[in-house]
Protein backbone atom coordinates (compact mmCIF):
# COMPACT_ATOMS: atom_id res chain seq x y z
CA MET A 1 178.72 225.24 149.72
CA LYS A 2 176.76 224.71 146.41
CA PRO A 3 177.95 227.16 143.60
CA THR A 4 174.99 229.28 142.01
CA ARG A 5 175.07 228.57 138.11
CA PHE A 6 176.40 225.17 138.34
CA THR A 7 173.82 222.30 138.06
CA GLN A 8 174.82 218.24 138.41
CA ASP A 9 174.53 217.85 134.67
CA MET A 10 177.15 220.45 134.00
CA ILE A 11 179.49 219.07 136.69
CA ASP A 12 179.03 215.31 135.16
CA GLU A 13 179.58 216.49 131.62
CA TYR A 14 182.69 218.54 132.51
CA VAL A 15 183.75 215.49 134.42
CA ARG A 16 183.05 212.82 131.71
CA MET A 17 184.96 215.08 129.00
CA GLY A 18 187.81 214.84 131.29
CA TYR A 19 188.06 218.76 132.13
CA TRP A 20 187.21 218.55 135.70
CA GLY A 21 188.75 216.05 138.27
CA ASP A 22 188.71 215.14 142.05
CA ASN A 23 191.72 216.76 143.11
CA LEU A 24 192.00 219.95 145.36
CA ILE A 25 195.14 222.24 144.95
CA SER A 26 196.03 221.20 148.48
CA ASP A 27 196.46 217.59 147.37
CA TYR A 28 199.34 218.80 145.13
CA TRP A 29 201.03 220.51 148.14
CA ASP A 30 200.55 216.90 149.85
CA ARG A 31 202.16 215.03 146.97
CA ASN A 32 205.10 217.38 146.63
CA ALA A 33 205.82 217.43 150.49
CA ALA A 34 205.97 213.59 150.12
CA SER A 35 208.00 213.54 146.74
CA LEU A 36 210.12 216.49 147.03
CA PRO A 37 210.03 217.30 150.63
CA ASN A 38 213.44 219.15 150.92
CA MET A 39 213.02 221.27 147.67
CA VAL A 40 211.84 225.02 148.30
CA ALA A 41 208.47 226.06 147.64
CA LEU A 42 208.14 229.39 148.92
CA VAL A 43 210.57 232.26 148.96
CA GLU A 44 209.65 235.30 150.59
CA GLU A 45 212.38 237.84 150.85
CA ASP A 46 214.92 235.96 153.23
CA VAL A 47 212.67 233.42 154.20
CA ARG A 48 212.63 230.04 152.23
CA ILE A 49 209.98 227.10 153.41
CA THR A 50 210.31 223.71 151.67
CA TRP A 51 207.17 221.46 150.30
CA ALA A 52 207.16 219.46 153.72
CA GLU A 53 207.49 222.58 156.06
CA SER A 54 204.50 224.19 153.81
CA LYS A 55 202.32 221.06 154.32
CA LYS A 56 202.94 220.99 158.20
CA HIS A 57 201.93 224.88 158.23
CA ILE A 58 198.85 224.30 156.14
CA ASP A 59 197.85 221.54 158.20
CA ASN A 60 198.41 222.98 161.47
CA ILE A 61 196.61 226.26 160.33
CA ALA A 62 193.51 224.09 159.01
CA ALA A 63 193.42 222.14 162.55
CA SER A 64 193.64 225.52 164.46
CA LEU A 65 190.46 227.00 162.27
CA ILE A 66 188.59 223.97 163.29
CA GLU A 67 189.41 224.02 166.81
CA LEU A 68 188.20 227.61 166.88
CA GLY A 69 184.92 226.43 165.94
CA ILE A 70 184.68 227.76 162.69
CA LYS A 71 182.01 225.88 161.02
CA ARG A 72 182.02 224.26 157.26
CA ASP A 73 181.15 227.06 154.55
CA GLU A 74 181.61 229.91 157.02
CA LYS A 75 183.66 232.64 155.54
CA VAL A 76 187.40 234.02 156.67
CA ALA A 77 188.53 237.06 154.58
CA VAL A 78 191.77 237.14 153.49
CA GLN A 79 193.61 240.61 152.81
CA LEU A 80 197.26 239.83 152.39
CA HIS A 81 200.07 241.18 150.18
CA ASN A 82 202.44 238.38 148.79
CA CYS A 83 203.59 236.46 151.62
CA ILE A 84 203.98 233.05 152.44
CA GLU A 85 200.72 232.79 154.46
CA LEU A 86 199.13 234.08 151.51
CA PHE A 87 199.20 230.37 150.50
CA THR A 88 199.46 228.53 153.50
CA PHE A 89 196.17 230.35 155.03
CA ARG A 90 194.18 229.90 152.13
CA LEU A 91 195.15 226.15 151.31
CA ALA A 92 194.58 225.76 155.11
CA CYS A 93 190.88 226.90 154.56
CA GLU A 94 190.30 224.62 151.77
CA LYS A 95 191.27 221.54 154.23
CA ALA A 96 189.23 222.90 157.02
CA GLY A 97 186.01 223.55 154.48
CA VAL A 98 186.51 227.47 155.13
CA VAL A 99 185.37 229.66 152.40
CA ALA A 100 188.44 232.18 151.78
CA VAL A 101 187.15 235.65 150.80
CA THR A 102 190.11 237.19 149.05
CA LEU A 103 190.34 241.13 149.36
CA LEU A 104 192.82 243.28 147.44
CA PRO A 105 195.60 244.56 149.77
CA ASN A 106 194.58 248.30 148.73
CA PHE A 107 191.03 247.88 149.79
CA ARG A 108 190.16 250.23 152.55
CA GLU A 109 187.38 250.91 155.16
CA ALA A 110 184.36 251.22 152.78
CA GLU A 111 185.40 248.00 150.61
CA VAL A 112 186.19 245.75 153.44
CA SER A 113 183.32 246.66 155.50
CA ALA A 114 180.99 246.14 152.76
CA ILE A 115 182.33 242.78 151.94
CA LEU A 116 182.61 241.62 155.78
CA LYS A 117 179.04 242.29 156.20
CA TYR A 118 178.13 241.05 153.05
CA THR A 119 179.79 237.59 153.35
CA GLU A 120 179.20 237.71 157.27
CA ALA A 121 182.76 236.82 157.79
CA ALA A 122 183.49 235.09 160.84
CA GLY A 123 187.36 236.04 160.68
CA ILE A 124 189.94 238.29 158.77
CA VAL A 125 193.59 237.62 158.42
CA ILE A 126 195.56 240.73 157.85
CA PRO A 127 199.18 242.00 158.34
CA HIS A 128 199.42 244.35 161.37
CA GLU A 129 200.81 246.82 159.04
CA PHE A 130 202.09 246.87 155.37
CA ARG A 131 202.95 249.97 153.06
CA GLN A 132 202.53 252.55 155.79
CA PHE A 133 198.97 251.30 156.36
CA ASN A 134 197.72 249.85 159.66
CA TYR A 135 195.14 247.18 158.78
CA VAL A 136 194.58 246.18 162.63
CA ASN A 137 193.31 249.64 163.22
CA MET A 138 191.11 249.44 160.32
CA ILE A 139 189.22 246.31 161.84
CA LYS A 140 189.52 247.74 165.22
CA LYS A 141 187.35 250.78 163.75
CA LEU A 142 185.01 248.59 161.69
CA SER A 143 184.51 245.82 164.15
CA ALA A 144 181.59 247.35 166.10
CA ASP A 145 179.37 247.14 162.97
CA LEU A 146 180.47 243.59 162.10
CA PRO A 147 178.47 241.32 164.46
CA ALA A 148 179.55 238.12 162.62
CA LEU A 149 183.11 238.64 163.06
CA ARG A 150 184.77 236.72 165.64
CA HIS A 151 188.34 236.53 164.82
CA VAL A 152 191.27 238.51 163.65
CA PHE A 153 194.16 236.70 162.59
CA VAL A 154 197.52 238.69 162.23
CA ILE A 155 200.52 237.36 160.36
CA GLY A 156 204.07 238.45 161.52
CA ASP A 157 205.70 238.84 165.06
CA ASP A 158 203.60 242.12 165.81
CA VAL A 159 200.47 240.59 166.82
CA PRO A 160 198.49 243.01 169.17
CA GLU A 161 196.12 241.84 172.19
CA GLY A 162 193.01 240.18 171.19
CA ALA A 163 194.38 239.02 167.82
CA ILE A 164 195.55 235.57 166.88
CA SER A 165 199.12 235.03 165.52
CA VAL A 166 199.09 233.01 162.22
CA LYS A 167 202.62 232.34 162.93
CA GLU A 168 201.82 230.37 166.30
CA MET A 169 198.72 228.65 164.38
CA ALA A 170 201.31 227.39 161.91
CA SER A 171 203.93 226.13 164.33
CA GLN A 172 201.83 224.81 167.33
CA LYS A 173 200.16 221.12 168.32
CA VAL A 174 196.77 220.88 167.85
CA GLY A 175 194.33 218.38 169.08
CA HIS A 176 192.69 217.70 165.82
CA PRO A 177 194.58 214.87 163.77
CA PRO A 178 196.43 217.17 161.06
CA ASP A 179 195.89 214.66 158.32
CA ASN A 180 192.26 213.98 159.23
CA PHE A 181 190.26 216.32 157.24
CA GLU A 182 188.00 213.93 155.15
CA LYS A 183 184.91 215.26 156.79
CA THR A 184 185.72 219.14 156.14
CA ARG A 185 187.72 219.52 153.23
CA PHE A 186 185.87 220.78 150.27
CA SER A 187 184.72 218.84 147.26
CA PRO A 188 186.21 220.10 143.97
CA PHE A 189 182.73 221.25 142.82
CA GLU A 190 182.12 223.47 145.69
CA THR A 191 182.65 227.16 146.07
CA PHE A 192 185.78 226.97 148.07
CA GLN A 193 186.72 230.86 147.62
CA ILE A 194 185.12 234.12 146.98
CA ALA A 195 187.18 236.61 145.09
CA THR A 196 186.38 240.25 144.92
CA THR A 197 186.29 242.47 141.86
CA THR A 198 188.41 245.73 141.81
CA GLY A 199 185.15 247.66 142.04
CA THR A 200 185.44 249.94 138.89
CA THR A 201 181.54 249.68 138.54
CA GLY A 202 180.66 250.55 142.08
CA MET A 203 181.09 248.46 144.94
CA PRO A 204 183.14 244.99 144.57
CA LYS A 205 181.36 241.75 143.10
CA CYS A 206 181.94 238.71 145.06
CA VAL A 207 182.59 236.04 142.50
CA GLU A 208 182.34 232.52 143.38
CA PHE A 209 185.60 230.09 142.78
CA VAL A 210 185.22 226.24 142.67
CA SER A 211 188.15 224.22 142.67
CA ALA A 212 187.64 221.99 139.64
CA VAL A 213 187.37 225.24 137.48
CA ARG A 214 190.55 226.39 138.85
CA GLN A 215 192.84 223.23 138.29
CA CYS A 216 191.33 222.79 134.93
CA THR A 217 192.65 226.32 134.02
CA GLY A 218 195.92 225.71 135.84
CA LYS A 219 196.89 222.73 134.18
CA VAL A 220 196.22 224.18 130.53
CA ILE A 221 198.54 227.00 131.82
CA LYS A 222 201.32 224.71 133.02
CA ASN A 223 201.26 222.73 129.74
CA ARG A 224 201.33 225.81 127.09
CA LEU A 225 204.27 227.07 129.48
CA LYS A 226 205.77 223.68 129.71
CA ILE A 227 206.19 224.59 133.56
CA THR A 228 208.04 221.70 135.32
CA GLU A 229 209.77 221.16 138.89
CA ASN A 230 212.78 222.85 137.50
CA ASP A 231 211.28 226.26 136.92
CA VAL A 232 211.30 228.92 139.54
CA VAL A 233 208.37 231.07 138.81
CA GLY A 234 208.24 234.69 139.94
CA ALA A 235 205.10 236.46 141.49
CA PHE A 236 205.69 239.80 140.27
CA ALA A 237 201.99 241.15 140.77
CA PRO A 238 199.52 240.60 143.72
CA ALA A 239 198.95 236.74 143.65
CA ILE A 240 195.65 237.19 145.58
CA ALA A 241 193.97 237.71 142.17
CA GLY A 242 194.62 238.65 138.59
CA GLY A 243 197.81 238.84 136.39
CA CYS A 244 199.96 235.72 137.83
CA TYR A 245 197.20 233.91 139.92
CA ASN A 246 197.07 230.82 137.29
CA GLU A 247 200.90 230.43 137.15
CA VAL A 248 201.56 230.84 140.73
CA TYR A 249 198.80 229.43 142.84
CA ARG A 250 197.92 226.79 140.30
CA ALA A 251 200.25 225.70 137.89
CA SER A 252 203.52 226.16 140.08
CA PRO A 253 202.51 223.57 142.74
CA MET A 254 201.23 221.35 140.13
CA ALA A 255 204.62 220.92 138.64
CA GLY A 256 206.50 221.03 141.64
CA ALA A 257 208.07 224.54 140.69
CA LYS A 258 209.52 227.14 143.39
CA ILE A 259 207.54 230.20 143.83
CA VAL A 260 209.43 233.33 144.68
CA LEU A 261 207.31 236.36 145.87
CA ALA A 262 207.87 239.94 145.47
CA LYS A 263 206.31 242.12 147.94
CA TYR A 264 206.71 245.98 146.58
CA PHE A 265 206.72 245.12 142.84
CA THR A 266 209.53 247.82 142.32
CA PRO A 267 211.98 247.10 139.13
CA GLU A 268 214.93 247.14 141.48
CA GLU A 269 213.25 244.45 143.62
CA ILE A 270 212.08 242.10 141.02
CA LEU A 271 215.25 242.44 138.93
CA THR A 272 217.29 241.66 142.07
CA LEU A 273 215.01 238.51 142.92
CA ILE A 274 215.66 237.40 139.32
CA GLU A 275 219.14 237.50 139.63
CA LYS A 276 219.18 235.91 142.93
CA GLU A 277 216.73 233.19 142.73
CA LYS A 278 217.56 232.41 139.00
CA VAL A 279 213.79 232.97 138.04
CA THR A 280 212.98 231.18 134.93
CA VAL A 281 209.16 232.51 134.40
CA ILE A 282 207.91 235.90 135.41
CA ALA A 283 204.24 236.25 136.03
CA THR A 284 203.28 239.81 136.35
CA VAL A 285 200.69 242.26 134.83
CA PRO A 286 201.62 245.11 132.12
CA THR A 287 201.58 248.26 134.54
CA ILE A 288 204.33 246.70 136.55
CA LEU A 289 206.20 245.36 133.35
CA ILE A 290 206.34 248.62 131.78
CA ARG A 291 208.09 250.13 135.05
CA ILE A 292 210.53 247.21 134.80
CA LEU A 293 211.15 247.92 131.09
CA GLU A 294 212.25 251.57 131.41
CA LEU A 295 214.53 251.10 134.34
CA PRO A 296 217.66 252.93 133.04
CA ASP A 297 220.03 250.57 134.82
CA PHE A 298 218.47 247.63 133.63
CA GLU A 299 221.45 246.11 131.99
CA LYS A 300 223.37 245.82 135.26
CA TYR A 301 221.17 242.85 136.28
CA ASP A 302 221.53 239.07 135.24
CA VAL A 303 218.24 238.01 133.78
CA SER A 304 219.71 235.33 131.41
CA SER A 305 217.74 232.81 133.36
CA ILE A 306 214.17 234.10 132.17
CA ARG A 307 212.88 231.79 129.37
CA ILE A 308 209.13 233.56 129.89
CA VAL A 309 207.57 236.59 130.63
CA LYS A 310 204.21 235.97 131.10
CA TYR A 311 201.49 238.74 131.75
CA GLY A 312 198.06 239.25 132.04
CA GLY A 313 195.27 241.45 133.45
CA ALA A 314 195.57 244.11 130.61
CA ALA A 315 196.74 244.51 127.39
CA LEU A 316 199.84 245.48 126.42
CA PRO A 317 200.60 247.57 123.38
CA TYR A 318 202.87 246.11 120.51
CA ASP A 319 205.55 248.58 121.09
CA GLN A 320 205.94 247.72 124.74
CA GLY A 321 205.84 244.09 123.60
CA LEU A 322 208.64 244.30 121.46
CA LYS A 323 210.62 246.01 124.34
CA VAL A 324 210.11 242.89 126.18
CA TRP A 325 211.99 240.89 123.65
CA GLU A 326 214.64 243.27 123.70
CA ARG A 327 215.33 243.52 127.47
CA PHE A 328 214.87 240.06 128.21
CA LYS A 329 215.66 238.39 124.84
CA ARG A 330 213.03 236.15 125.62
CA PRO A 331 209.00 236.24 124.54
CA GLY A 332 206.32 238.09 126.05
CA LEU A 333 203.33 235.72 126.43
CA PRO A 334 199.80 237.47 126.98
CA ALA A 335 196.86 235.62 128.37
CA TYR A 336 193.26 237.04 128.54
CA GLY A 337 190.31 236.86 130.88
CA THR A 338 188.29 238.27 133.66
CA LEU A 339 187.82 237.71 137.34
CA ASP A 340 183.99 237.34 136.67
CA ALA A 341 184.17 234.80 134.00
CA GLY A 342 187.71 233.14 134.29
CA THR A 343 190.75 232.89 131.89
CA MET A 344 189.48 232.73 128.50
CA SER A 345 192.39 232.38 126.11
CA SER A 346 196.20 232.20 126.73
CA SER A 347 199.32 231.77 124.39
CA PHE A 348 201.83 228.92 124.07
CA CYS A 349 205.76 229.39 124.68
CA ASP A 350 206.68 228.20 121.50
CA ASP A 351 204.47 230.68 119.41
CA THR A 352 205.97 233.08 117.08
CA LYS A 353 206.92 236.56 117.79
CA GLU A 354 204.27 238.26 115.86
CA LYS A 355 201.70 235.90 117.06
CA LEU A 356 202.68 236.95 120.72
CA LEU A 357 202.83 240.46 119.96
CA THR A 358 199.35 240.87 118.24
CA THR A 359 197.19 238.36 119.67
CA VAL A 360 196.41 236.80 123.16
CA GLY A 361 196.65 233.32 121.90
CA VAL A 362 193.79 230.61 121.59
CA PRO A 363 190.84 229.85 123.65
CA LEU A 364 191.91 227.46 126.51
CA ASP A 365 191.41 223.64 125.92
CA GLY A 366 187.15 223.18 126.14
CA ASN A 367 186.54 226.90 125.97
CA VAL A 368 184.41 228.28 123.24
CA CYS A 369 184.96 231.96 122.24
CA LYS A 370 182.49 233.88 119.92
CA LEU A 371 182.50 237.35 118.78
CA VAL A 372 178.81 238.80 118.42
CA ASP A 373 177.30 242.24 117.17
CA GLU A 374 175.05 244.15 119.22
CA ARG A 375 172.29 242.36 118.41
CA GLY A 376 174.00 239.07 119.56
CA GLN A 377 174.55 237.99 116.13
CA GLU A 378 178.00 236.24 115.45
CA VAL A 379 179.98 238.49 113.23
CA PRO A 380 182.28 237.04 110.15
CA LYS A 381 186.01 236.18 110.58
CA GLY A 382 188.27 239.12 111.00
CA GLU A 383 185.29 241.39 111.86
CA VAL A 384 185.08 243.00 115.45
CA GLY A 385 182.93 241.73 118.09
CA GLU A 386 182.10 241.35 121.56
CA VAL A 387 183.83 238.58 123.22
CA ILE A 388 181.45 236.02 124.67
CA VAL A 389 182.79 232.59 126.29
CA ASN A 390 181.51 229.25 127.75
CA GLY A 391 183.20 226.36 128.80
CA PRO A 392 184.96 224.10 131.88
CA HIS A 393 187.50 227.22 132.90
CA CYS A 394 184.22 229.61 133.40
CA GLN A 395 183.41 230.97 137.10
CA PRO A 396 180.13 229.71 138.67
CA GLY A 397 178.66 233.09 139.24
CA TYR A 398 178.00 235.88 141.88
CA TYR A 399 177.71 234.84 145.73
CA ARG A 400 174.44 235.30 146.84
CA ASP A 401 173.38 237.09 143.80
CA PRO A 402 171.21 234.78 141.45
CA GLU A 403 170.10 237.72 139.66
CA ALA A 404 173.24 239.25 138.58
CA THR A 405 174.47 235.55 137.68
CA GLN A 406 171.70 235.07 135.57
CA ASN A 407 172.17 238.75 133.83
CA ALA A 408 175.86 238.02 133.16
CA TRP A 409 175.29 234.68 131.80
CA SER A 410 172.25 235.43 130.01
CA ASP A 411 171.36 232.43 127.45
CA GLY A 412 174.62 230.52 128.84
CA TRP A 413 177.28 232.59 127.54
CA PHE A 414 179.29 235.37 129.67
CA HIS A 415 179.36 238.64 127.71
CA THR A 416 182.61 240.16 128.31
CA GLY A 417 182.05 243.92 127.17
CA ASP A 418 185.56 243.53 125.45
CA LEU A 419 185.62 243.89 121.62
CA GLY A 420 187.93 241.64 119.59
CA SER A 421 188.54 239.64 116.14
CA PHE A 422 189.76 236.31 115.33
CA ASP A 423 192.59 235.75 112.71
CA ASP A 424 192.51 232.72 110.21
CA GLU A 425 193.92 230.41 112.80
CA GLY A 426 191.56 231.21 115.35
CA ARG A 427 193.72 233.43 117.47
CA LEU A 428 192.13 236.43 119.42
CA THR A 429 193.09 239.93 119.23
CA ILE A 430 191.60 242.28 121.72
CA ARG A 431 190.43 245.78 120.31
CA GLY A 432 189.44 247.26 123.69
CA ARG A 433 186.23 247.64 125.96
CA ARG A 434 182.87 248.06 124.03
CA LYS A 435 182.22 250.82 126.54
CA ASP A 436 185.47 252.55 125.96
CA MET A 437 185.30 252.46 122.04
CA ILE A 438 185.19 256.12 120.65
CA LEU A 439 182.32 257.11 118.11
CA ARG A 440 183.49 260.06 116.48
CA GLY A 441 181.10 261.25 113.58
CA GLY A 442 180.12 257.90 112.90
CA GLN A 443 183.74 256.30 113.00
CA ASN A 444 184.67 253.37 115.54
CA ILE A 445 187.91 254.21 116.81
CA TYR A 446 189.54 251.52 119.16
CA PRO A 447 191.70 252.87 122.14
CA LEU A 448 194.32 250.42 122.05
CA GLU A 449 195.32 250.88 118.34
CA VAL A 450 195.77 254.88 119.16
CA GLU A 451 197.51 253.71 122.34
CA GLY A 452 200.16 251.57 120.36
CA ILE A 453 201.05 254.48 118.20
CA LEU A 454 201.43 256.78 121.10
CA LEU A 455 203.54 254.68 122.84
CA GLN A 456 205.84 254.83 119.62
CA HIS A 457 206.64 258.31 120.15
CA PRO A 458 210.08 258.43 122.05
CA LYS A 459 208.96 260.84 124.65
CA ILE A 460 206.15 258.91 126.01
CA LEU A 461 206.15 256.29 128.66
CA LYS A 462 202.54 255.65 128.98
CA ALA A 463 199.65 256.34 127.44
CA ALA A 464 196.02 256.02 127.70
CA VAL A 465 193.15 256.92 125.34
CA VAL A 466 189.59 258.13 126.36
CA GLY A 467 186.75 259.73 124.62
CA ILE A 468 185.77 262.81 125.40
CA PRO A 469 182.36 264.55 124.65
CA ASP A 470 182.08 266.91 121.37
CA PRO A 471 178.97 268.90 120.45
CA LYS A 472 179.62 268.47 116.65
CA MET A 473 181.45 265.02 116.38
CA GLY A 474 179.63 263.38 119.31
CA GLU A 475 182.95 262.28 120.90
CA LYS A 476 186.75 262.80 120.25
CA VAL A 477 190.03 261.19 120.96
CA CYS A 478 191.90 262.44 124.24
CA GLY A 479 195.46 261.06 124.87
CA CYS A 480 196.36 261.11 128.49
CA LEU A 481 200.14 260.77 128.68
CA VAL A 482 202.88 260.21 131.30
CA LEU A 483 206.13 261.54 129.67
CA LYS A 484 209.69 260.24 130.13
CA GLU A 485 211.65 261.90 132.70
CA GLY A 486 212.64 265.50 131.82
CA GLU A 487 210.39 265.28 128.44
CA THR A 488 208.02 267.94 127.55
CA LEU A 489 205.36 267.40 124.79
CA ASN A 490 202.41 269.43 123.10
CA LEU A 491 199.57 268.52 120.90
CA ALA A 492 201.25 269.97 117.78
CA GLU A 493 203.95 267.25 117.94
CA ILE A 494 201.52 264.53 118.54
CA LEU A 495 199.41 265.82 115.20
CA HIS A 496 203.00 265.91 113.32
CA PHE A 497 203.97 262.62 114.66
CA PHE A 498 200.58 260.76 113.53
CA LYS A 499 200.97 262.43 110.19
CA GLU A 500 204.13 261.01 109.72
CA LYS A 501 202.95 257.52 110.56
CA GLY A 502 200.26 258.03 107.74
CA VAL A 503 197.41 257.18 110.45
CA ALA A 504 193.79 258.22 109.71
CA ALA A 505 192.86 261.81 110.54
CA PHE A 506 189.99 260.72 112.38
CA LYS A 507 192.24 258.81 114.99
CA ILE A 508 194.61 261.66 115.71
CA PRO A 509 194.18 262.92 119.27
CA GLU A 510 192.54 266.18 119.59
CA ARG A 511 193.55 266.88 123.16
CA ILE A 512 196.38 265.66 125.22
CA GLU A 513 196.52 265.51 129.18
CA LEU A 514 199.81 265.07 130.74
CA LEU A 515 199.91 263.18 134.10
CA ASP A 516 202.28 262.00 136.56
CA ASP A 517 200.80 258.80 136.72
CA PHE A 518 197.38 256.90 135.81
CA PRO A 519 194.74 256.05 138.61
CA LEU A 520 194.66 252.25 138.82
CA ALA A 521 191.66 249.88 139.51
CA GLY A 522 192.89 247.21 141.73
CA SER A 523 196.97 247.98 141.09
CA ILE A 524 196.34 246.35 137.82
CA LYS A 525 194.72 248.23 135.31
CA VAL A 526 194.25 251.82 134.50
CA ASP A 527 191.11 253.23 135.67
CA LYS A 528 189.62 254.76 132.37
CA LYS A 529 186.63 255.62 133.93
CA GLN A 530 188.35 257.80 136.38
CA LEU A 531 190.58 259.42 133.70
CA ARG A 532 187.50 260.27 131.53
CA GLN A 533 185.83 261.85 134.49
CA ASP A 534 188.90 263.77 135.17
CA VAL A 535 189.12 265.17 131.82
CA GLU A 536 185.54 265.67 131.74
CA ASN A 537 185.70 267.88 134.83
CA LYS A 538 188.53 269.96 133.52
CA LEU A 539 186.50 270.71 130.50
CA ARG A 540 183.64 271.81 132.58
CA GLN A 541 186.07 274.14 134.38
CA GLU A 542 187.24 275.51 131.15
CA GLY A 543 183.68 276.21 130.30
CA ALA A 544 183.69 273.73 127.37
CA LEU A 545 180.90 271.68 128.74
CA THR A 546 177.61 273.12 129.76
CA SER A 547 176.18 269.87 130.94
CA LEU A 548 177.02 266.25 130.55
CA ASN A 549 175.43 263.17 131.68
CA ASN A 550 178.04 260.94 133.89
CA THR A 551 179.34 257.74 132.08
């Protein structure tokens, strides 16, 4: 399937420059099956599967998809948690020429129905049940309104009547020669996956992925983290999208590194896996990492095998970054990007501690990042501007939506909506979302900065800062806080703390909200839109707001 934004001239240019190549990611699994046949590729709980076994499963599933009559460029949705089939089924789709439409496991009827209709998916692969939610019942409920949906694939042993067992697909012998996928497999320059956004601005968008782009990024990440076949990479966030996608789904098979899958992301599960499997590279997101750092009995686990703690998907405040170094005695490496645009910048495993704590590294090889003001003019070095990007790591656009693609990629650059600044070495620091920036009496306040100060308070576990309407100043700062167990806190204590820190008065929170936890967008980021709405609703109930435009 031809990607929306890419032209042949663009493809030829990036190939000529050496950024894009001819391989598919499944080719690396084939190579590892030949060169490392008995080495473990994937670990899921007590199940271990080698590279040779993985290839057999991938080829059998791909052949089964073809025998079922699923045609080239048809869509099959993949809604799976971290499991072996999340890899083998998607790689099989790549060989069979079937576009995998990846859905977050926490999507429910509204999102799943909309995406299946929009993509006209011919099938969906799901668990029967996970985290006390019955996916089979959900699809049964939706199927009458999904005429294109012909096949329901179910992983595990509990496969209901009418569904197709992925376990049997992976193990059975099929008529299609398992190595004869030359007529069906995608080229590196075709859309092979449609990824869905978390939907914080409405229904999820469908972003096209091209293998050449994803491999280009995977190679840079592998090199910057120095991942080799001797590494053990822990997928400690949803591997279906964001956070650990590049390290786990791309860089690890390129290097031949073993992949260890966490399913539930509890601190105890993750630390047990690190100790048991001797994990060397953690790949996760800040929301999960913070829970690990705060575990009271962290010290009872052996984490000495770790050499890198890599995180992405959201910013990690400075104080929490320090805790990574204190707990793991190893560096925490940030990366920066968006699902819509792709990975933009990352750090190197031998960067200095201060650079790792204060920046998200430098643009990936070939990427060009600029900072612009509201008029689109590039700002001087050191000043804050909106991050825009272009380059070989960027996505081709939105599926079946050329208008949205054109709007997002106006003048050939993707406008992220994020604010950032460059230092003298070209390292990028993210200041927050443009839409999250608080304008109080003409003063710009960057929530990430205030959150970093709040997190230095000994009673605070998590902090999220949002702007709320104020009739005199336009906006004021509200600190949404999750306290450590057994603690209490009031606004007067916050005011005293900020004054002791010598922080400018206009940045000090003028309201705090104490919460049990924060709402999340896609299990990765704090949903600040929901937080802001919740606080505004509370203000209305208190009579502090007589009218308010929704943001």
